[in-house]
PDB file of all heavy atoms in Angstrom:
ATOM      1  N   ALA A   1       9.290  -8.843   3.209  1.00  0.00           N
ATOM      2  CA  ALA A   1       9.441  -7.384   3.250  1.00  0.00           C
ATOM      3  C   ALA A   1       8.569  -6.797   4.330  1.00  0.00           C
ATOM      4  O   ALA A   1       9.028  -5.941   5.114  1.00  0.00           O
ATOM      5  CB  ALA A   1       9.119  -6.778   1.877  1.00  0.00           C
ATOM      6  N   ARG A   2       7.293  -7.186   4.406  1.00  0.00           N
ATOM      7  CA  ARG A   2       6.391  -6.616   5.401  1.00  0.00           C
ATOM      8  C   ARG A   2       6.854  -6.932   6.816  1.00  0.00           C
ATOM      9  O   ARG A   2       6.788  -6.079   7.696  1.00  0.00           O
ATOM     10  CB  ARG A   2       4.962  -7.142   5.190  1.00  0.00           C
ATOM     11  CG  ARG A   2       3.950  -6.495   6.107  1.00  0.00           C
ATOM     12  CD  ARG A   2       2.550  -7.017   5.876  1.00  0.00           C
ATOM     13  NE  ARG A   2       2.425  -8.431   6.271  1.00  0.00           N
ATOM     14  CZ  ARG A   2       1.304  -9.142   6.190  1.00  0.00           C
ATOM     15  NH1 ARG A   2       0.230  -8.575   5.668  1.00  0.00           N
ATOM     16  NH2 ARG A   2       1.280 -10.393   6.568  1.00  0.00           N
ATOM     17  N   GLU A   3       7.317  -8.151   7.030  1.00  0.00           N
ATOM     18  CA  GLU A   3       7.811  -8.522   8.384  1.00  0.00           C
ATOM     19  C   GLU A   3       9.074  -7.765   8.770  1.00  0.00           C
ATOM     20  O   GLU A   3       9.239  -7.442   9.935  1.00  0.00           O
ATOM     21  CB  GLU A   3       8.069 -10.032   8.394  1.00  0.00           C
ATOM     22  CG  GLU A   3       6.788 -10.882   8.297  1.00  0.00           C
ATOM     23  CD  GLU A   3       7.075 -12.336   7.980  1.00  0.00           C
ATOM     24  OE1 GLU A   3       8.149 -12.648   7.448  1.00  0.00           O
ATOM     25  OE2 GLU A   3       6.171 -13.142   8.243  1.00  0.00           O
ATOM     26  N   ASN A   4       9.934  -7.505   7.791  1.00  0.00           N
ATOM     27  CA  ASN A   4      11.131  -6.695   8.078  1.00  0.00           C
ATOM     28  C   ASN A   4      10.762  -5.301   8.521  1.00  0.00           C
ATOM     29  O   ASN A   4      11.308  -4.751   9.444  1.00  0.00           O
ATOM     30  CB  ASN A   4      12.035  -6.641   6.849  1.00  0.00           C
ATOM     31  CG  ASN A   4      13.127  -7.693   6.823  1.00  0.00           C
ATOM     32  OD1 ASN A   4      14.119  -7.588   7.536  1.00  0.00           O
ATOM     33  ND2 ASN A   4      12.921  -8.722   6.026  1.00  0.00           N
ATOM     34  N   VAL A   5       9.778  -4.719   7.819  1.00  0.00           N
ATOM     35  CA  VAL A   5       9.323  -3.346   8.173  1.00  0.00           C
ATOM     36  C   VAL A   5       8.620  -3.330   9.503  1.00  0.00           C
ATOM     37  O   VAL A   5       8.743  -2.378  10.284  1.00  0.00           O
ATOM     38  CB  VAL A   5       8.406  -2.799   7.054  1.00  0.00           C
ATOM     39  CG1 VAL A   5       7.814  -1.461   7.446  1.00  0.00           C
ATOM     40  CG2 VAL A   5       9.183  -2.671   5.730  1.00  0.00           C
ATOM     41  N   ALA A   6       7.904  -4.407   9.818  1.00  0.00           N
ATOM     42  CA  ALA A   6       7.114  -4.460  11.081  1.00  0.00           C
ATOM     43  C   ALA A   6       7.999  -4.651  12.293  1.00  0.00           C
ATOM     44  O   ALA A   6       7.559  -4.379  13.420  1.00  0.00           O
ATOM     45  CB  ALA A   6       6.084  -5.562  10.989  1.00  0.00           C
ATOM     46  N   LEU A   7       9.236  -5.133  12.102  1.00  0.00           N
ATOM     47  CA  LEU A   7      10.059  -5.461  13.286  1.00  0.00           C
ATOM     48  C   LEU A   7      10.309  -4.283  14.227  1.00  0.00           C
ATOM     49  O   LEU A   7      10.060  -4.410  15.440  1.00  0.00           O
ATOM     50  CB  LEU A   7      11.376  -6.048  12.804  1.00  0.00           C
ATOM     51  CG  LEU A   7      12.306  -6.555  13.901  1.00  0.00           C
ATOM     52  CD1 LEU A   7      11.615  -7.638  14.715  1.00  0.00           C
ATOM     53  CD2 LEU A   7      13.616  -7.130  13.312  1.00  0.00           C
ATOM     54  N   PRO A   8      10.777  -3.082  13.744  1.00  0.00           N
ATOM     55  CA  PRO A   8      10.933  -1.983  14.697  1.00  0.00           C
ATOM     56  C   PRO A   8       9.604  -1.494  15.295  1.00  0.00           C
ATOM     57  O   PRO A   8       9.582  -0.952  16.402  1.00  0.00           O
ATOM     58  CB  PRO A   8      11.592  -0.880  13.849  1.00  0.00           C
ATOM     59  CG  PRO A   8      11.301  -1.261  12.419  1.00  0.00           C
ATOM     60  CD  PRO A   8      11.210  -2.741  12.400  1.00  0.00           C
ATOM     61  N   LEU A   9       8.508  -1.696  14.596  1.00  0.00           N
ATOM     62  CA  LEU A   9       7.198  -1.370  15.160  1.00  0.00           C
ATOM     63  C   LEU A   9       6.915  -2.264  16.359  1.00  0.00           C
ATOM     64  O   LEU A   9       6.392  -1.806  17.377  1.00  0.00           O
ATOM     65  CB  LEU A   9       6.110  -1.539  14.119  1.00  0.00           C
ATOM     66  CG  LEU A   9       6.186  -0.603  12.883  1.00  0.00           C
ATOM     67  CD1 LEU A   9       5.164  -1.016  11.841  1.00  0.00           C
ATOM     68  CD2 LEU A   9       5.962   0.838  13.297  1.00  0.00           C
ATOM     69  N   ARG A  10       7.261  -3.527  16.221  1.00  0.00           N
ATOM     70  CA  ARG A  10       7.086  -4.424  17.360  1.00  0.00           C
ATOM     71  C   ARG A  10       7.957  -4.025  18.529  1.00  0.00           C
ATOM     72  O   ARG A  10       7.537  -4.020  19.687  1.00  0.00           O
ATOM     73  CB  ARG A  10       7.454  -5.866  16.948  1.00  0.00           C
ATOM     74  CG  ARG A  10       7.281  -6.907  18.014  1.00  0.00           C
ATOM     75  CD  ARG A  10       7.600  -8.303  17.497  1.00  0.00           C
ATOM     76  NE  ARG A  10       7.408  -9.336  18.502  1.00  0.00           N
ATOM     77  CZ  ARG A  10       7.663 -10.610  18.324  1.00  0.00           C
ATOM     78  NH1 ARG A  10       8.051 -11.042  17.120  1.00  0.00           N
ATOM     79  NH2 ARG A  10       7.470 -11.450  19.302  1.00  0.00           N
ATOM     80  N   LEU A  11       9.218  -3.619  18.253  1.00  0.00           N
ATOM     81  CA  LEU A  11      10.126  -3.191  19.308  1.00  0.00           C
ATOM     82  C   LEU A  11       9.649  -1.911  19.994  1.00  0.00           C
ATOM     83  O   LEU A  11       9.949  -1.655  21.143  1.00  0.00           O
ATOM     84  CB  LEU A  11      11.541  -2.989  18.756  1.00  0.00           C
ATOM     85  CG  LEU A  11      12.228  -4.248  18.219  1.00  0.00           C
ATOM     86  CD1 LEU A  11      13.557  -3.882  17.563  1.00  0.00           C
ATOM     87  CD2 LEU A  11      12.457  -5.237  19.354  1.00  0.00           C
ATOM     88  N   ASN A  12       8.846  -1.114  19.256  1.00  0.00           N
ATOM     89  CA  ASN A  12       8.302   0.123  19.810  1.00  0.00           C
ATOM     90  C   ASN A  12       6.964  -0.084  20.465  1.00  0.00           C
ATOM     91  O   ASN A  12       6.346   0.896  20.899  1.00  0.00           O
ATOM     92  CB  ASN A  12       8.193   1.187  18.690  1.00  0.00           C
ATOM     93  CG  ASN A  12       9.447   1.999  18.533  1.00  0.00           C
ATOM     94  OD1 ASN A  12       9.798   2.802  19.399  1.00  0.00           O
ATOM     95  ND2 ASN A  12      10.175   1.773  17.453  1.00  0.00           N
ATOM     96  N   GLY A  13       6.525  -1.337  20.543  1.00  0.00           N
ATOM     97  CA  GLY A  13       5.306  -1.620  21.299  1.00  0.00           C
ATOM     98  C   GLY A  13       3.991  -1.511  20.555  1.00  0.00           C
ATOM     99  O   GLY A  13       2.924  -1.532  21.154  1.00  0.00           O
ATOM    100  N   PHE A  14       4.028  -1.400  19.243  1.00  0.00           N
ATOM    101  CA  PHE A  14       2.782  -1.360  18.449  1.00  0.00           C
ATOM    102  C   PHE A  14       2.088  -2.711  18.428  1.00  0.00           C
ATOM    103  O   PHE A  14       2.758  -3.771  18.315  1.00  0.00           O
ATOM    104  CB  PHE A  14       3.058  -0.918  17.010  1.00  0.00           C
ATOM    105  CG  PHE A  14       3.432   0.540  16.854  1.00  0.00           C
ATOM    106  CD1 PHE A  14       4.754   0.907  16.931  1.00  0.00           C
ATOM    107  CD2 PHE A  14       2.465   1.505  16.637  1.00  0.00           C
ATOM    108  CE1 PHE A  14       5.122   2.253  16.763  1.00  0.00           C
ATOM    109  CE2 PHE A  14       2.797   2.812  16.492  1.00  0.00           C
ATOM    110  CZ  PHE A  14       4.136   3.210  16.564  1.00  0.00           C
ATOM    111  N   ARG A  15       0.745  -2.720  18.523  1.00  0.00           N
ATOM    112  CA  ARG A  15       0.019  -3.962  18.449  1.00  0.00           C
ATOM    113  C   ARG A  15       0.038  -4.548  17.020  1.00  0.00           C
ATOM    114  O   ARG A  15       0.330  -3.843  16.085  1.00  0.00           O
ATOM    115  CB  ARG A  15      -1.441  -3.736  18.900  1.00  0.00           C
ATOM    116  CG  ARG A  15      -1.551  -3.335  20.354  1.00  0.00           C
ATOM    117  CD  ARG A  15      -3.015  -3.194  20.769  1.00  0.00           C
ATOM    118  NE  ARG A  15      -3.138  -2.795  22.152  1.00  0.00           N
ATOM    119  CZ  ARG A  15      -3.166  -3.682  23.154  1.00  0.00           C
ATOM    120  NH1 ARG A  15      -3.072  -4.971  22.895  1.00  0.00           N
ATOM    121  NH2 ARG A  15      -3.301  -3.278  24.421  1.00  0.00           N
ATOM    122  N   ARG A  16      -0.227  -5.836  16.942  1.00  0.00           N
ATOM    123  CA  ARG A  16      -0.072  -6.557  15.677  1.00  0.00           C
ATOM    124  C   ARG A  16      -0.835  -5.914  14.526  1.00  0.00           C
ATOM    125  O   ARG A  16      -0.303  -5.736  13.458  1.00  0.00           O
ATOM    126  CB  ARG A  16      -0.494  -8.024  15.823  1.00  0.00           C
ATOM    127  CG  ARG A  16      -0.265  -8.848  14.569  1.00  0.00           C
ATOM    128  CD  ARG A  16      -0.622 -10.320  14.825  1.00  0.00           C
ATOM    129  NE  ARG A  16      -0.293 -11.100  13.608  1.00  0.00           N
ATOM    130  CZ  ARG A  16      -1.113 -11.220  12.583  1.00  0.00           C
ATOM    131  NH1 ARG A  16      -2.322 -10.638  12.611  1.00  0.00           N
ATOM    132  NH2 ARG A  16      -0.768 -11.941  11.530  1.00  0.00           N
ATOM    133  N   GLN A  17      -2.086  -5.589  14.756  1.00  0.00           N
ATOM    134  CA  GLN A  17      -2.896  -5.000  13.672  1.00  0.00           C
ATOM    135  C   GLN A  17      -2.329  -3.674  13.194  1.00  0.00           C
ATOM    136  O   GLN A  17      -2.297  -3.380  11.991  1.00  0.00           O
ATOM    137  CB  GLN A  17      -4.341  -4.828  14.086  1.00  0.00           C
ATOM    138  CG  GLN A  17      -5.160  -6.134  14.131  1.00  0.00           C
ATOM    139  CD  GLN A  17      -5.112  -6.830  12.766  1.00  0.00           C
ATOM    140  OE1 GLN A  17      -4.560  -7.879  12.627  1.00  0.00           O
ATOM    141  NE2 GLN A  17      -5.753  -6.192  11.773  1.00  0.00           N
ATOM    142  N   GLU A  18      -1.842  -2.873  14.130  1.00  0.00           N
ATOM    143  CA  GLU A  18      -1.249  -1.594  13.758  1.00  0.00           C
ATOM    144  C   GLU A  18       0.084  -1.786  13.076  1.00  0.00           C
ATOM    145  O   GLU A  18       0.423  -1.043  12.129  1.00  0.00           O
ATOM    146  CB  GLU A  18      -1.065  -0.721  15.002  1.00  0.00           C
ATOM    147  CG  GLU A  18      -0.491   0.682  14.767  1.00  0.00           C
ATOM    148  CD  GLU A  18      -1.375   1.568  13.887  1.00  0.00           C
ATOM    149  OE1 GLU A  18      -2.529   1.185  13.589  1.00  0.00           O
ATOM    150  OE2 GLU A  18      -0.915   2.682  13.505  1.00  0.00           O
ATOM    151  N   ARG A  19       0.858  -2.826  13.471  1.00  0.00           N
ATOM    152  CA  ARG A  19       2.096  -3.104  12.775  1.00  0.00           C
ATOM    153  C   ARG A  19       1.857  -3.483  11.334  1.00  0.00           C
ATOM    154  O   ARG A  19       2.543  -3.013  10.406  1.00  0.00           O
ATOM    155  CB  ARG A  19       2.848  -4.265  13.501  1.00  0.00           C
ATOM    156  CG  ARG A  19       3.291  -3.976  14.883  1.00  0.00           C
ATOM    157  CD  ARG A  19       4.393  -4.909  15.347  1.00  0.00           C
ATOM    158  NE  ARG A  19       4.048  -6.313  15.265  1.00  0.00           N
ATOM    159  CZ  ARG A  19       3.568  -7.012  16.291  1.00  0.00           C
ATOM    160  NH1 ARG A  19       3.321  -6.406  17.449  1.00  0.00           N
ATOM    161  NH2 ARG A  19       3.322  -8.288  16.193  1.00  0.00           N
ATOM    162  N   LEU A  20       0.823  -4.303  11.093  1.00  0.00           N
ATOM    163  CA  LEU A  20       0.512  -4.714   9.738  1.00  0.00           C
ATOM    164  C   LEU A  20       0.009  -3.520   8.941  1.00  0.00           C
ATOM    165  O   LEU A  20       0.412  -3.370   7.773  1.00  0.00           O
ATOM    166  CB  LEU A  20      -0.587  -5.802   9.788  1.00  0.00           C
ATOM    167  CG  LEU A  20      -0.180  -7.169  10.377  1.00  0.00           C
ATOM    168  CD1 LEU A  20      -1.365  -8.112  10.410  1.00  0.00           C
ATOM    169  CD2 LEU A  20       0.985  -7.783   9.592  1.00  0.00           C
ATOM    170  N   ARG A  21      -0.842  -2.726   9.528  1.00  0.00           N
ATOM    171  CA  ARG A  21      -1.404  -1.541   8.800  1.00  0.00           C
ATOM    172  C   ARG A  21      -0.279  -0.576   8.391  1.00  0.00           C
ATOM    173  O   ARG A  21      -0.227  -0.150   7.249  1.00  0.00           O
ATOM    174  CB  ARG A  21      -2.420  -0.804   9.674  1.00  0.00           C
ATOM    175  CG  ARG A  21      -3.134   0.300   8.935  1.00  0.00           C
ATOM    176  CD  ARG A  21      -3.890   1.214   9.891  1.00  0.00           C
ATOM    177  NE  ARG A  21      -3.015   2.008  10.743  1.00  0.00           N
ATOM    178  CZ  ARG A  21      -2.385   3.121  10.282  1.00  0.00           C
ATOM    179  NH1 ARG A  21      -2.496   3.523   9.031  1.00  0.00           N
ATOM    180  NH2 ARG A  21      -1.598   3.785  11.119  1.00  0.00           N
ATOM    181  N   ARG A  22       0.596  -0.277   9.331  1.00  0.00           N
ATOM    182  CA  ARG A  22       1.646   0.693   9.035  1.00  0.00           C
ATOM    183  C   ARG A  22       2.657   0.135   8.018  1.00  0.00           C
ATOM    184  O   ARG A  22       3.082   0.862   7.104  1.00  0.00           O
ATOM    185  CB  ARG A  22       2.394   1.081  10.349  1.00  0.00           C
ATOM    186  CG  ARG A  22       1.653   2.096  11.191  1.00  0.00           C
ATOM    187  CD  ARG A  22       2.458   2.384  12.449  1.00  0.00           C
ATOM    188  NE  ARG A  22       1.831   3.405  13.244  1.00  0.00           N
ATOM    189  CZ  ARG A  22       2.326   4.623  13.428  1.00  0.00           C
ATOM    190  NH1 ARG A  22       3.457   4.959  12.869  1.00  0.00           N
ATOM    191  NH2 ARG A  22       1.724   5.505  14.200  1.00  0.00           N
ATOM    192  N   SER A  23       3.048  -1.124   8.180  1.00  0.00           N
ATOM    193  CA  SER A  23       4.056  -1.663   7.294  1.00  0.00           C
ATOM    194  C   SER A  23       3.507  -1.799   5.881  1.00  0.00           C
ATOM    195  O   SER A  23       4.215  -1.490   4.894  1.00  0.00           O
ATOM    196  CB  SER A  23       4.538  -3.021   7.775  1.00  0.00           C
ATOM    197  OG  SER A  23       3.493  -3.927   8.002  1.00  0.00           O
ATOM    198  N   GLU A  24       2.241  -2.205   5.753  1.00  0.00           N
ATOM    199  CA  GLU A  24       1.643  -2.265   4.407  1.00  0.00           C
ATOM    200  C   GLU A  24       1.486  -0.895   3.794  1.00  0.00           C
ATOM    201  O   GLU A  24       1.720  -0.712   2.577  1.00  0.00           O
ATOM    202  CB  GLU A  24       0.288  -2.993   4.490  1.00  0.00           C
ATOM    203  CG  GLU A  24       0.423  -4.472   4.822  1.00  0.00           C
ATOM    204  CD  GLU A  24      -0.927  -5.173   4.901  1.00  0.00           C
ATOM    205  OE1 GLU A  24      -1.944  -4.518   4.631  1.00  0.00           O
ATOM    206  OE2 GLU A  24      -0.931  -6.372   5.244  1.00  0.00           O
ATOM    207  N   ALA A  25       1.120   0.074   4.611  1.00  0.00           N
ATOM    208  CA  ALA A  25       0.914   1.420   4.081  1.00  0.00           C
ATOM    209  C   ALA A  25       2.198   2.055   3.545  1.00  0.00           C
ATOM    210  O   ALA A  25       2.232   2.605   2.461  1.00  0.00           O
ATOM    211  CB  ALA A  25       0.293   2.329   5.166  1.00  0.00           C
ATOM    212  N   VAL A  26       3.279   1.917   4.307  1.00  0.00           N
ATOM    213  CA  VAL A  26       4.521   2.534   3.900  1.00  0.00           C
ATOM    214  C   VAL A  26       5.146   1.791   2.712  1.00  0.00           C
ATOM    215  O   VAL A  26       5.723   2.427   1.820  1.00  0.00           O
ATOM    216  CB  VAL A  26       5.514   2.689   5.085  1.00  0.00           C
ATOM    217  CG1 VAL A  26       6.064   1.349   5.500  1.00  0.00           C
ATOM    218  CG2 VAL A  26       6.639   3.637   4.738  1.00  0.00           C
ATOM    219  N   LEU A  27       5.003   0.481   2.673  1.00  0.00           N
ATOM    220  CA  LEU A  27       5.497  -0.254   1.492  1.00  0.00           C
ATOM    221  C   LEU A  27       4.709   0.125   0.246  1.00  0.00           C
ATOM    222  O   LEU A  27       5.288   0.263  -0.822  1.00  0.00           O
ATOM    223  CB  LEU A  27       5.448  -1.769   1.763  1.00  0.00           C
ATOM    224  CG  LEU A  27       6.509  -2.342   2.703  1.00  0.00           C
ATOM    225  CD1 LEU A  27       6.161  -3.732   3.128  1.00  0.00           C
ATOM    226  CD2 LEU A  27       7.877  -2.298   2.054  1.00  0.00           C
ATOM    227  N   SER A  28       3.431   0.284   0.364  1.00  0.00           N
ATOM    228  CA  SER A  28       2.600   0.686  -0.771  1.00  0.00           C
ATOM    229  C   SER A  28       3.003   2.083  -1.259  1.00  0.00           C
ATOM    230  O   SER A  28       3.088   2.334  -2.433  1.00  0.00           O
ATOM    231  CB  SER A  28       1.131   0.693  -0.356  1.00  0.00           C
ATOM    232  OG  SER A  28       0.668  -0.618  -0.079  1.00  0.00           O
ATOM    233  N   GLU A  29       3.282   2.977  -0.291  1.00  0.00           N
ATOM    234  CA  GLU A  29       3.692   4.350  -0.626  1.00  0.00           C
ATOM    235  C   GLU A  29       4.995   4.358  -1.420  1.00  0.00           C
ATOM    236  O   GLU A  29       5.225   5.193  -2.289  1.00  0.00           O
ATOM    237  CB  GLU A  29       3.838   5.172   0.637  1.00  0.00           C
ATOM    238  CG  GLU A  29       4.231   6.615   0.423  1.00  0.00           C
ATOM    239  CD  GLU A  29       4.448   7.380   1.700  1.00  0.00           C
ATOM    240  OE1 GLU A  29       4.242   6.815   2.765  1.00  0.00           O
ATOM    241  OE2 GLU A  29       4.828   8.572   1.585  1.00  0.00           O
ATOM    242  N   LEU A  30       5.864   3.393  -1.116  1.00  0.00           N
ATOM    243  CA  LEU A  30       7.164   3.300  -1.794  1.00  0.00           C
ATOM    244  C   LEU A  30       7.132   2.375  -3.022  1.00  0.00           C
ATOM    245  O   LEU A  30       8.165   2.006  -3.553  1.00  0.00           O
ATOM    246  CB  LEU A  30       8.228   2.839  -0.825  1.00  0.00           C
ATOM    247  CG  LEU A  30       8.495   3.799   0.325  1.00  0.00           C
ATOM    248  CD1 LEU A  30       9.573   3.187   1.289  1.00  0.00           C
ATOM    249  CD2 LEU A  30       8.931   5.156  -0.165  1.00  0.00           C
ATOM    250  N   GLY A  31       5.934   2.046  -3.470  1.00  0.00           N
ATOM    251  CA  GLY A  31       5.783   1.268  -4.699  1.00  0.00           C
ATOM    252  C   GLY A  31       6.088  -0.217  -4.552  1.00  0.00           C
ATOM    253  O   GLY A  31       6.387  -0.878  -5.544  1.00  0.00           O
ATOM    254  N   LEU A  32       5.894  -0.748  -3.360  1.00  0.00           N
ATOM    255  CA  LEU A  32       6.227  -2.153  -3.098  1.00  0.00           C
ATOM    256  C   LEU A  32       5.025  -2.974  -2.660  1.00  0.00           C
ATOM    257  O   LEU A  32       5.196  -4.061  -2.050  1.00  0.00           O
ATOM    258  CB  LEU A  32       7.348  -2.249  -2.040  1.00  0.00           C
ATOM    259  CG  LEU A  32       8.731  -1.692  -2.483  1.00  0.00           C
ATOM    260  CD1 LEU A  32       9.636  -1.580  -1.286  1.00  0.00           C
ATOM    261  CD2 LEU A  32       9.338  -2.584  -3.547  1.00  0.00           C
ATOM    262  N   LYS A  33       3.840  -2.539  -2.971  1.00  0.00           N
ATOM    263  CA  LYS A  33       2.644  -3.227  -2.524  1.00  0.00           C
ATOM    264  C   LYS A  33       2.605  -4.671  -3.001  1.00  0.00           C
ATOM    265  O   LYS A  33       2.265  -5.584  -2.255  1.00  0.00           O
ATOM    266  CB  LYS A  33       1.375  -2.496  -3.024  1.00  0.00           C
ATOM    267  CG  LYS A  33       0.093  -3.115  -2.548  1.00  0.00           C
ATOM    268  CD  LYS A  33      -1.103  -2.304  -2.972  1.00  0.00           C
ATOM    269  CE  LYS A  33      -2.402  -2.913  -2.456  1.00  0.00           C
ATOM    270  NZ  LYS A  33      -3.602  -2.095  -2.835  1.00  0.00           N
ATOM    271  N   SER A  34       3.026  -4.916  -4.236  1.00  0.00           N
ATOM    272  CA  SER A  34       3.003  -6.251  -4.810  1.00  0.00           C
ATOM    273  C   SER A  34       4.197  -7.088  -4.396  1.00  0.00           C
ATOM    274  O   SER A  34       4.271  -8.280  -4.769  1.00  0.00           O
ATOM    275  CB  SER A  34       2.938  -6.189  -6.353  1.00  0.00           C
ATOM    276  OG  SER A  34       4.155  -5.596  -6.847  1.00  0.00           O
ATOM    277  N   ARG A  35       5.155  -6.492  -3.652  1.00  0.00           N
ATOM    278  CA  ARG A  35       6.398  -7.204  -3.282  1.00  0.00           C
ATOM    279  C   ARG A  35       6.501  -7.463  -1.810  1.00  0.00           C
ATOM    280  O   ARG A  35       7.472  -8.049  -1.349  1.00  0.00           O
ATOM    281  CB  ARG A  35       7.587  -6.369  -3.734  1.00  0.00           C
ATOM    282  CG  ARG A  35       7.531  -5.817  -5.135  1.00  0.00           C
ATOM    283  CD  ARG A  35       7.596  -6.892  -6.163  1.00  0.00           C
ATOM    284  NE  ARG A  35       8.973  -7.357  -6.405  1.00  0.00           N
ATOM    285  CZ  ARG A  35       9.244  -8.400  -7.155  1.00  0.00           C
ATOM    286  NH1 ARG A  35       8.321  -9.087  -7.760  1.00  0.00           N
ATOM    287  NH2 ARG A  35      10.503  -8.755  -7.321  1.00  0.00           N
ATOM    288  N   MET A  36       5.485  -7.080  -1.029  1.00  0.00           N
ATOM    289  CA  MET A  36       5.644  -7.092   0.411  1.00  0.00           C
ATOM    290  C   MET A  36       5.695  -8.494   1.001  1.00  0.00           C
ATOM    291  O   MET A  36       6.173  -8.691   2.135  1.00  0.00           O
ATOM    292  CB  MET A  36       4.521  -6.306   1.097  1.00  0.00           C
ATOM    293  CG  MET A  36       3.130  -6.831   0.910  1.00  0.00           C
ATOM    294  SD  MET A  36       1.893  -5.817   1.835  1.00  0.00           S
ATOM    295  CE  MET A  36       2.003  -4.243   0.952  1.00  0.00           C
ATOM    296  N   HIS A  37       5.264  -9.529   0.263  1.00  0.00           N
ATOM    297  CA  HIS A  37       5.306 -10.895   0.781  1.00  0.00           C
ATOM    298  C   HIS A  37       6.552 -11.624   0.323  1.00  0.00           C
ATOM    299  O   HIS A  37       6.707 -12.816   0.617  1.00  0.00           O
ATOM    300  CB  HIS A  37       4.058 -11.625   0.374  1.00  0.00           C
ATOM    301  CG  HIS A  37       2.796 -11.027   0.934  1.00  0.00           C
ATOM    302  ND1 HIS A  37       2.511 -11.017   2.285  1.00  0.00           N
ATOM    303  CD2 HIS A  37       1.754 -10.394   0.332  1.00  0.00           C
ATOM    304  CE1 HIS A  37       1.353 -10.412   2.501  1.00  0.00           C
ATOM    305  NE2 HIS A  37       0.867 -10.034   1.324  1.00  0.00           N
ATOM    306  N   LEU A  38       7.439 -10.932  -0.376  1.00  0.00           N
ATOM    307  CA  LEU A  38       8.673 -11.581  -0.848  1.00  0.00           C
ATOM    308  C   LEU A  38       9.792 -11.392   0.146  1.00  0.00           C
ATOM    309  O   LEU A  38       9.849 -10.397   0.876  1.00  0.00           O
ATOM    310  CB  LEU A  38       9.091 -10.989  -2.204  1.00  0.00           C
ATOM    311  CG  LEU A  38       8.097 -11.135  -3.337  1.00  0.00           C
ATOM    312  CD1 LEU A  38       8.666 -10.516  -4.632  1.00  0.00           C
ATOM    313  CD2 LEU A  38       7.707 -12.580  -3.571  1.00  0.00           C
ATOM    314  N   LYS A  39      10.689 -12.344   0.211  1.00  0.00           N
ATOM    315  CA  LYS A  39      11.855 -12.280   1.076  1.00  0.00           C
ATOM    316  C   LYS A  39      12.983 -11.568   0.368  1.00  0.00           C
ATOM    317  O   LYS A  39      12.976 -11.417  -0.886  1.00  0.00           O
ATOM    318  CB  LYS A  39      12.278 -13.680   1.509  1.00  0.00           C
ATOM    319  CG  LYS A  39      11.208 -14.336   2.423  1.00  0.00           C
ATOM    320  CD  LYS A  39      11.681 -15.669   2.950  1.00  0.00           C
ATOM    321  CE  LYS A  39      10.656 -16.210   3.931  1.00  0.00           C
ATOM    322  NZ  LYS A  39      11.004 -17.537   4.485  1.00  0.00           N
ATOM    323  N   PRO A  40      13.979 -11.049   1.098  1.00  0.00           N
ATOM    324  CA  PRO A  40      15.031 -10.239   0.453  1.00  0.00           C
ATOM    325  C   PRO A  40      15.733 -10.904  -0.735  1.00  0.00           C
ATOM    326  O   PRO A  40      16.040 -10.200  -1.684  1.00  0.00           O
ATOM    327  CB  PRO A  40      16.024 -10.048   1.642  1.00  0.00           C
ATOM    328  CG  PRO A  40      15.133 -10.039   2.839  1.00  0.00           C
ATOM    329  CD  PRO A  40      14.061 -11.064   2.556  1.00  0.00           C
ATOM    330  N   LYS A  41      15.898 -12.212  -0.711  1.00  0.00           N
ATOM    331  CA  LYS A  41      16.581 -12.880  -1.827  1.00  0.00           C
ATOM    332  C   LYS A  41      15.778 -12.800  -3.124  1.00  0.00           C
ATOM    333  O   LYS A  41      16.312 -13.013  -4.223  1.00  0.00           O
ATOM    334  CB  LYS A  41      16.909 -14.336  -1.496  1.00  0.00           C
ATOM    335  CG  LYS A  41      15.688 -15.239  -1.329  1.00  0.00           C
ATOM    336  CD  LYS A  41      16.101 -16.625  -0.972  1.00  0.00           C
ATOM    337  CE  LYS A  41      14.879 -17.532  -0.818  1.00  0.00           C
ATOM    338  NZ  LYS A  41      15.302 -18.957  -0.468  1.00  0.00           N
ATOM    339  N   GLU A  42      14.484 -12.502  -3.002  1.00  0.00           N
ATOM    340  CA  GLU A  42      13.600 -12.388  -4.178  1.00  0.00           C
ATOM    341  C   GLU A  42      13.461 -10.971  -4.644  1.00  0.00           C
ATOM    342  O   GLU A  42      12.737 -10.702  -5.622  1.00  0.00           O
ATOM    343  CB  GLU A  42      12.235 -12.970  -3.825  1.00  0.00           C
ATOM    344  CG  GLU A  42      12.265 -14.402  -3.370  1.00  0.00           C
ATOM    345  CD  GLU A  42      10.919 -14.889  -2.836  1.00  0.00           C
ATOM    346  OE1 GLU A  42      10.546 -14.456  -1.721  1.00  0.00           O
ATOM    347  OE2 GLU A  42      10.252 -15.628  -3.553  1.00  0.00           O
ATOM    348  N   LEU A  43      14.119 -10.009  -4.003  1.00  0.00           N
ATOM    349  CA  LEU A  43      14.004  -8.587  -4.349  1.00  0.00           C
ATOM    350  C   LEU A  43      15.275  -8.078  -5.044  1.00  0.00           C
ATOM    351  O   LEU A  43      16.386  -8.610  -4.760  1.00  0.00           O
ATOM    352  CB  LEU A  43      13.761  -7.787  -3.066  1.00  0.00           C
ATOM    353  CG  LEU A  43      12.524  -8.108  -2.269  1.00  0.00           C
ATOM    354  CD1 LEU A  43      12.516  -7.330  -0.941  1.00  0.00           C
ATOM    355  CD2 LEU A  43      11.250  -7.835  -3.044  1.00  0.00           C
ATOM    356  N   SER A  44      15.127  -7.075  -5.869  1.00  0.00           N
ATOM    357  CA  SER A  44      16.289  -6.428  -6.488  1.00  0.00           C
ATOM    358  C   SER A  44      16.977  -5.547  -5.478  1.00  0.00           C
ATOM    359  O   SER A  44      16.448  -5.239  -4.389  1.00  0.00           O
ATOM    360  CB  SER A  44      15.860  -5.602  -7.700  1.00  0.00           C
ATOM    361  OG  SER A  44      15.098  -4.475  -7.254  1.00  0.00           O
ATOM    362  N   GLY A  45      18.153  -5.022  -5.813  1.00  0.00           N
ATOM    363  CA  GLY A  45      18.870  -4.126  -4.912  1.00  0.00           C
ATOM    364  C   GLY A  45      18.090  -2.881  -4.607  1.00  0.00           C
ATOM    365  O   GLY A  45      18.015  -2.423  -3.439  1.00  0.00           O
TER     366      GLY A  45
END
């Protein structure tokens, strides 16, 4: 999940640490902090 969120950040030129910070922050905000290391097949709809 975190890597999926970080992908457009990479395309927009964000450095790695900022990509990680932003992706983790927005996933946490949406209630997915404990799910960010799971792949799509492990997530509900």
